[in-house]
N, C-alpha and C. Protein backbone atom coordinates (compact mmCIF):
# COMPACT_ATOMS: atom_id res chain seq x y z
N MET A 1 5.45 -162.48 73.99
CA MET A 1 6.46 -163.19 73.23
C MET A 1 7.61 -163.54 74.14
N ILE A 2 8.17 -164.69 73.88
CA ILE A 2 9.28 -165.18 74.69
C ILE A 2 10.57 -165.12 73.86
N TYR A 3 11.60 -164.56 74.45
CA TYR A 3 12.92 -164.48 73.82
C TYR A 3 13.88 -165.33 74.66
N PRO A 4 14.04 -166.62 74.33
CA PRO A 4 14.90 -167.47 75.15
C PRO A 4 16.35 -167.01 75.13
N GLU A 5 17.02 -167.23 76.25
CA GLU A 5 18.42 -166.84 76.39
C GLU A 5 19.37 -167.99 76.13
N LYS A 6 18.87 -169.23 76.30
CA LYS A 6 19.77 -170.37 76.13
C LYS A 6 19.41 -171.15 74.87
N ASP A 7 20.35 -171.92 74.39
CA ASP A 7 20.20 -172.67 73.15
C ASP A 7 19.38 -173.95 73.35
N ASP A 8 18.18 -173.81 73.89
CA ASP A 8 17.35 -174.98 74.15
C ASP A 8 15.91 -174.50 74.37
N ILE A 9 15.01 -174.96 73.53
CA ILE A 9 13.62 -174.49 73.67
C ILE A 9 12.66 -175.62 74.05
N GLU A 10 13.16 -176.82 74.28
CA GLU A 10 12.29 -177.96 74.55
C GLU A 10 11.35 -177.74 75.73
N ASP A 11 11.85 -177.15 76.81
CA ASP A 11 10.99 -176.91 77.97
C ASP A 11 9.88 -175.92 77.66
N LEU A 12 10.15 -174.99 76.76
CA LEU A 12 9.16 -173.97 76.42
C LEU A 12 8.03 -174.51 75.54
N ILE A 13 8.32 -175.56 74.75
CA ILE A 13 7.34 -176.05 73.77
C ILE A 13 6.69 -177.36 74.16
N LYS A 14 7.00 -177.89 75.35
CA LYS A 14 6.55 -179.24 75.68
C LYS A 14 5.04 -179.36 75.89
N ASP A 15 4.38 -178.30 76.30
CA ASP A 15 2.94 -178.35 76.53
C ASP A 15 2.23 -177.23 75.76
N GLY A 16 1.14 -177.57 75.10
CA GLY A 16 0.35 -176.57 74.43
C GLY A 16 0.78 -176.30 73.00
N LEU A 17 0.24 -175.21 72.46
CA LEU A 17 0.48 -174.81 71.08
C LEU A 17 1.44 -173.63 71.05
N HIS A 18 2.49 -173.74 70.22
CA HIS A 18 3.52 -172.71 70.16
C HIS A 18 3.95 -172.46 68.73
N LEU A 19 4.26 -171.20 68.44
CA LEU A 19 4.85 -170.80 67.18
C LEU A 19 6.27 -170.35 67.50
N VAL A 20 7.26 -170.98 66.86
CA VAL A 20 8.65 -170.59 67.07
C VAL A 20 9.11 -169.86 65.81
N ASP A 21 9.48 -168.60 65.99
CA ASP A 21 9.91 -167.73 64.90
C ASP A 21 11.43 -167.68 64.89
N PHE A 22 12.04 -168.26 63.86
CA PHE A 22 13.48 -168.17 63.67
C PHE A 22 13.74 -166.93 62.82
N TYR A 23 14.51 -166.00 63.36
CA TYR A 23 14.70 -164.70 62.72
C TYR A 23 16.12 -164.19 62.95
N ALA A 24 16.45 -163.08 62.31
CA ALA A 24 17.69 -162.33 62.58
C ALA A 24 17.35 -160.84 62.50
N THR A 25 18.09 -160.05 63.25
CA THR A 25 17.80 -158.61 63.29
C THR A 25 18.06 -157.92 61.96
N TRP A 26 18.94 -158.49 61.13
CA TRP A 26 19.30 -157.89 59.85
C TRP A 26 18.38 -158.33 58.71
N CYS A 27 17.45 -159.21 58.96
CA CYS A 27 16.59 -159.82 57.93
C CYS A 27 15.37 -158.95 57.64
N GLY A 28 15.27 -158.46 56.40
CA GLY A 28 14.14 -157.61 56.00
C GLY A 28 12.78 -158.28 56.15
N PRO A 29 12.57 -159.49 55.58
CA PRO A 29 11.28 -160.15 55.74
C PRO A 29 10.94 -160.44 57.21
N CYS A 30 11.96 -160.69 58.03
CA CYS A 30 11.73 -160.91 59.47
C CYS A 30 11.15 -159.65 60.11
N LYS A 31 11.69 -158.51 59.72
CA LYS A 31 11.19 -157.23 60.25
C LYS A 31 9.76 -156.98 59.80
N MET A 32 9.43 -157.37 58.57
CA MET A 32 8.07 -157.20 58.07
C MET A 32 7.08 -158.12 58.81
N LEU A 33 7.56 -159.26 59.28
CA LEU A 33 6.72 -160.22 59.98
C LEU A 33 6.45 -159.81 61.43
N GLU A 34 7.34 -159.02 62.00
CA GLU A 34 7.25 -158.64 63.41
C GLU A 34 5.89 -158.04 63.82
N PRO A 35 5.35 -157.04 63.08
CA PRO A 35 4.07 -156.48 63.50
C PRO A 35 2.92 -157.50 63.42
N ILE A 36 3.01 -158.43 62.49
CA ILE A 36 1.98 -159.47 62.37
C ILE A 36 2.02 -160.38 63.60
N LEU A 37 3.21 -160.76 64.01
CA LEU A 37 3.33 -161.61 65.20
C LEU A 37 2.85 -160.86 66.44
N GLU A 38 3.11 -159.57 66.51
CA GLU A 38 2.60 -158.75 67.62
C GLU A 38 1.08 -158.82 67.67
N GLU A 39 0.44 -158.77 66.51
CA GLU A 39 -1.03 -158.80 66.43
C GLU A 39 -1.62 -160.13 66.88
N ILE A 40 -0.90 -161.23 66.65
CA ILE A 40 -1.47 -162.55 66.95
C ILE A 40 -0.94 -163.16 68.24
N LYS A 41 -0.16 -162.41 69.01
CA LYS A 41 0.47 -162.99 70.20
C LYS A 41 -0.53 -163.45 71.26
N ASP A 42 -1.77 -162.97 71.21
CA ASP A 42 -2.79 -163.44 72.15
C ASP A 42 -3.45 -164.73 71.67
N GLU A 43 -3.24 -165.09 70.41
CA GLU A 43 -3.84 -166.30 69.83
C GLU A 43 -2.97 -167.54 70.05
N ILE A 44 -1.65 -167.35 70.16
CA ILE A 44 -0.71 -168.46 70.24
C ILE A 44 0.55 -167.98 70.96
N SER A 45 1.17 -168.88 71.70
CA SER A 45 2.44 -168.58 72.35
C SER A 45 3.51 -168.45 71.27
N ILE A 46 4.24 -167.34 71.29
CA ILE A 46 5.28 -167.10 70.28
C ILE A 46 6.63 -167.07 70.95
N ILE A 47 7.53 -167.88 70.42
CA ILE A 47 8.89 -167.94 70.91
C ILE A 47 9.80 -167.45 69.79
N LYS A 48 10.58 -166.42 70.07
CA LYS A 48 11.44 -165.79 69.07
C LYS A 48 12.87 -166.30 69.25
N VAL A 49 13.41 -166.96 68.22
CA VAL A 49 14.77 -167.50 68.26
C VAL A 49 15.64 -166.70 67.29
N ASN A 50 16.56 -165.94 67.85
CA ASN A 50 17.51 -165.18 67.04
C ASN A 50 18.57 -166.17 66.53
N THR A 51 18.61 -166.39 65.23
CA THR A 51 19.50 -167.40 64.66
C THR A 51 20.98 -167.07 64.87
N ASP A 52 21.30 -165.79 64.99
CA ASP A 52 22.69 -165.40 65.23
C ASP A 52 23.13 -165.70 66.65
N LYS A 53 22.20 -165.61 67.60
CA LYS A 53 22.52 -165.81 69.01
C LYS A 53 22.29 -167.25 69.47
N MET A 54 21.54 -168.03 68.70
CA MET A 54 21.21 -169.39 69.11
C MET A 54 21.51 -170.39 67.98
N PRO A 55 22.78 -170.51 67.61
CA PRO A 55 23.13 -171.37 66.47
C PRO A 55 22.83 -172.86 66.69
N LYS A 56 22.96 -173.34 67.92
CA LYS A 56 22.70 -174.77 68.17
C LYS A 56 21.22 -175.10 67.93
N THR A 57 20.34 -174.26 68.42
CA THR A 57 18.91 -174.47 68.21
C THR A 57 18.57 -174.35 66.73
N THR A 58 19.15 -173.37 66.07
CA THR A 58 18.93 -173.18 64.63
C THR A 58 19.37 -174.41 63.86
N PHE A 59 20.52 -174.96 64.20
CA PHE A 59 21.04 -176.16 63.54
C PHE A 59 20.16 -177.37 63.85
N LYS A 60 19.76 -177.50 65.10
CA LYS A 60 18.95 -178.65 65.53
C LYS A 60 17.66 -178.77 64.72
N TYR A 61 17.03 -177.63 64.43
CA TYR A 61 15.76 -177.64 63.69
C TYR A 61 15.97 -177.46 62.19
N ARG A 62 17.22 -177.54 61.75
CA ARG A 62 17.59 -177.50 60.33
C ARG A 62 17.04 -176.27 59.61
N ILE A 63 17.20 -175.14 60.23
CA ILE A 63 16.72 -173.88 59.65
C ILE A 63 17.72 -173.44 58.58
N MET A 64 17.24 -173.32 57.36
CA MET A 64 18.10 -172.94 56.24
C MET A 64 17.77 -171.54 55.71
N SER A 65 16.55 -171.07 55.96
CA SER A 65 16.10 -169.75 55.50
C SER A 65 15.36 -169.08 56.64
N ILE A 66 15.41 -167.75 56.63
CA ILE A 66 14.63 -167.02 57.62
C ILE A 66 13.82 -165.94 56.91
N PRO A 67 12.67 -165.61 57.45
CA PRO A 67 12.07 -166.20 58.63
C PRO A 67 11.52 -167.61 58.37
N THR A 68 11.63 -168.43 59.39
CA THR A 68 10.98 -169.74 59.38
C THR A 68 10.12 -169.81 60.63
N LEU A 69 8.87 -170.20 60.44
CA LEU A 69 7.95 -170.37 61.56
C LEU A 69 7.69 -171.85 61.73
N LEU A 70 8.00 -172.38 62.91
CA LEU A 70 7.69 -173.76 63.23
C LEU A 70 6.55 -173.77 64.23
N PHE A 71 5.59 -174.65 64.00
CA PHE A 71 4.45 -174.78 64.89
C PHE A 71 4.59 -176.09 65.68
N PHE A 72 4.42 -176.00 66.99
CA PHE A 72 4.53 -177.16 67.87
C PHE A 72 3.25 -177.34 68.66
N LYS A 73 2.86 -178.59 68.82
CA LYS A 73 1.73 -178.92 69.67
C LYS A 73 2.20 -180.01 70.63
N ASP A 74 2.19 -179.68 71.91
CA ASP A 74 2.64 -180.60 72.96
C ASP A 74 4.01 -181.19 72.67
N GLY A 75 4.94 -180.34 72.24
CA GLY A 75 6.32 -180.74 72.04
C GLY A 75 6.65 -181.32 70.69
N LYS A 76 5.65 -181.59 69.86
CA LYS A 76 5.89 -182.17 68.54
C LYS A 76 5.67 -181.12 67.45
N GLN A 77 6.61 -181.07 66.50
CA GLN A 77 6.45 -180.14 65.39
C GLN A 77 5.33 -180.62 64.49
N VAL A 78 4.37 -179.73 64.21
CA VAL A 78 3.22 -180.10 63.40
C VAL A 78 3.15 -179.34 62.08
N ASN A 79 3.93 -178.29 61.93
CA ASN A 79 3.91 -177.55 60.68
C ASN A 79 5.12 -176.62 60.61
N GLU A 80 5.38 -176.14 59.39
CA GLU A 80 6.48 -175.21 59.15
C GLU A 80 6.10 -174.33 57.96
N ILE A 81 6.33 -173.04 58.10
CA ILE A 81 6.19 -172.15 56.95
C ILE A 81 7.45 -171.28 56.87
N ILE A 82 7.91 -171.10 55.66
CA ILE A 82 9.17 -170.39 55.42
C ILE A 82 8.89 -169.11 54.64
N GLY A 83 9.54 -168.05 55.05
CA GLY A 83 9.38 -166.77 54.37
C GLY A 83 8.28 -165.93 54.97
N PHE A 84 8.09 -164.77 54.39
CA PHE A 84 7.06 -163.86 54.86
C PHE A 84 5.68 -164.37 54.48
N HIS A 85 4.74 -164.32 55.43
CA HIS A 85 3.35 -164.69 55.18
C HIS A 85 2.44 -163.66 55.84
N THR A 86 1.26 -163.51 55.29
CA THR A 86 0.30 -162.55 55.84
C THR A 86 -0.30 -163.07 57.14
N LYS A 87 -0.93 -162.18 57.85
CA LYS A 87 -1.62 -162.55 59.09
C LYS A 87 -2.67 -163.62 58.79
N GLU A 88 -3.40 -163.46 57.71
CA GLU A 88 -4.45 -164.41 57.36
C GLU A 88 -3.89 -165.81 57.11
N GLU A 89 -2.76 -165.88 56.41
CA GLU A 89 -2.13 -167.18 56.13
C GLU A 89 -1.66 -167.85 57.42
N ILE A 90 -1.07 -167.08 58.30
CA ILE A 90 -0.59 -167.64 59.57
C ILE A 90 -1.77 -168.09 60.43
N MET A 91 -2.83 -167.29 60.46
CA MET A 91 -4.01 -167.66 61.26
C MET A 91 -4.66 -168.93 60.72
N LYS A 92 -4.67 -169.13 59.41
CA LYS A 92 -5.21 -170.37 58.82
C LYS A 92 -4.43 -171.58 59.32
N GLU A 93 -3.11 -171.44 59.40
CA GLU A 93 -2.27 -172.54 59.90
C GLU A 93 -2.59 -172.83 61.36
N ILE A 94 -2.76 -171.78 62.15
CA ILE A 94 -3.10 -171.96 63.57
C ILE A 94 -4.45 -172.65 63.71
N GLU A 95 -5.43 -172.24 62.91
CA GLU A 95 -6.75 -172.88 62.94
C GLU A 95 -6.68 -174.35 62.58
N LYS A 96 -5.88 -174.69 61.55
CA LYS A 96 -5.71 -176.09 61.15
C LYS A 96 -5.16 -176.92 62.30
N ILE A 97 -4.16 -176.38 62.97
CA ILE A 97 -3.52 -177.10 64.06
C ILE A 97 -4.50 -177.27 65.24
N ASN A 98 -5.28 -176.26 65.51
CA ASN A 98 -6.26 -176.32 66.60
C ASN A 98 -7.34 -177.36 66.35
N GLU A 99 -7.62 -177.64 65.07
CA GLU A 99 -8.66 -178.62 64.73
C GLU A 99 -8.21 -180.05 64.94
N VAL A 100 -6.90 -180.29 64.94
CA VAL A 100 -6.37 -181.66 65.07
C VAL A 100 -6.45 -182.13 66.50
């Protein structure tokens, strides 16, 4: 998992398939999602964006609720899921994106 330090993730998502997790340390559903993301980190590149530490990136992607998972393929956003989701639901989204 990648924890960017600067308020810019474009270089990280420009090539390949990426899941960007917008979270906060105080968020209960975000904490529940953490072990699931740990389990799938070998399936997809995961970039963790702390909304409290990266407000410009959070604003740029219009994040209104957390957790929010944005899926990118070669720099373009291809999907978004908001709130807690099971491993199976997240894996289905990854499979859909891989088929395109």
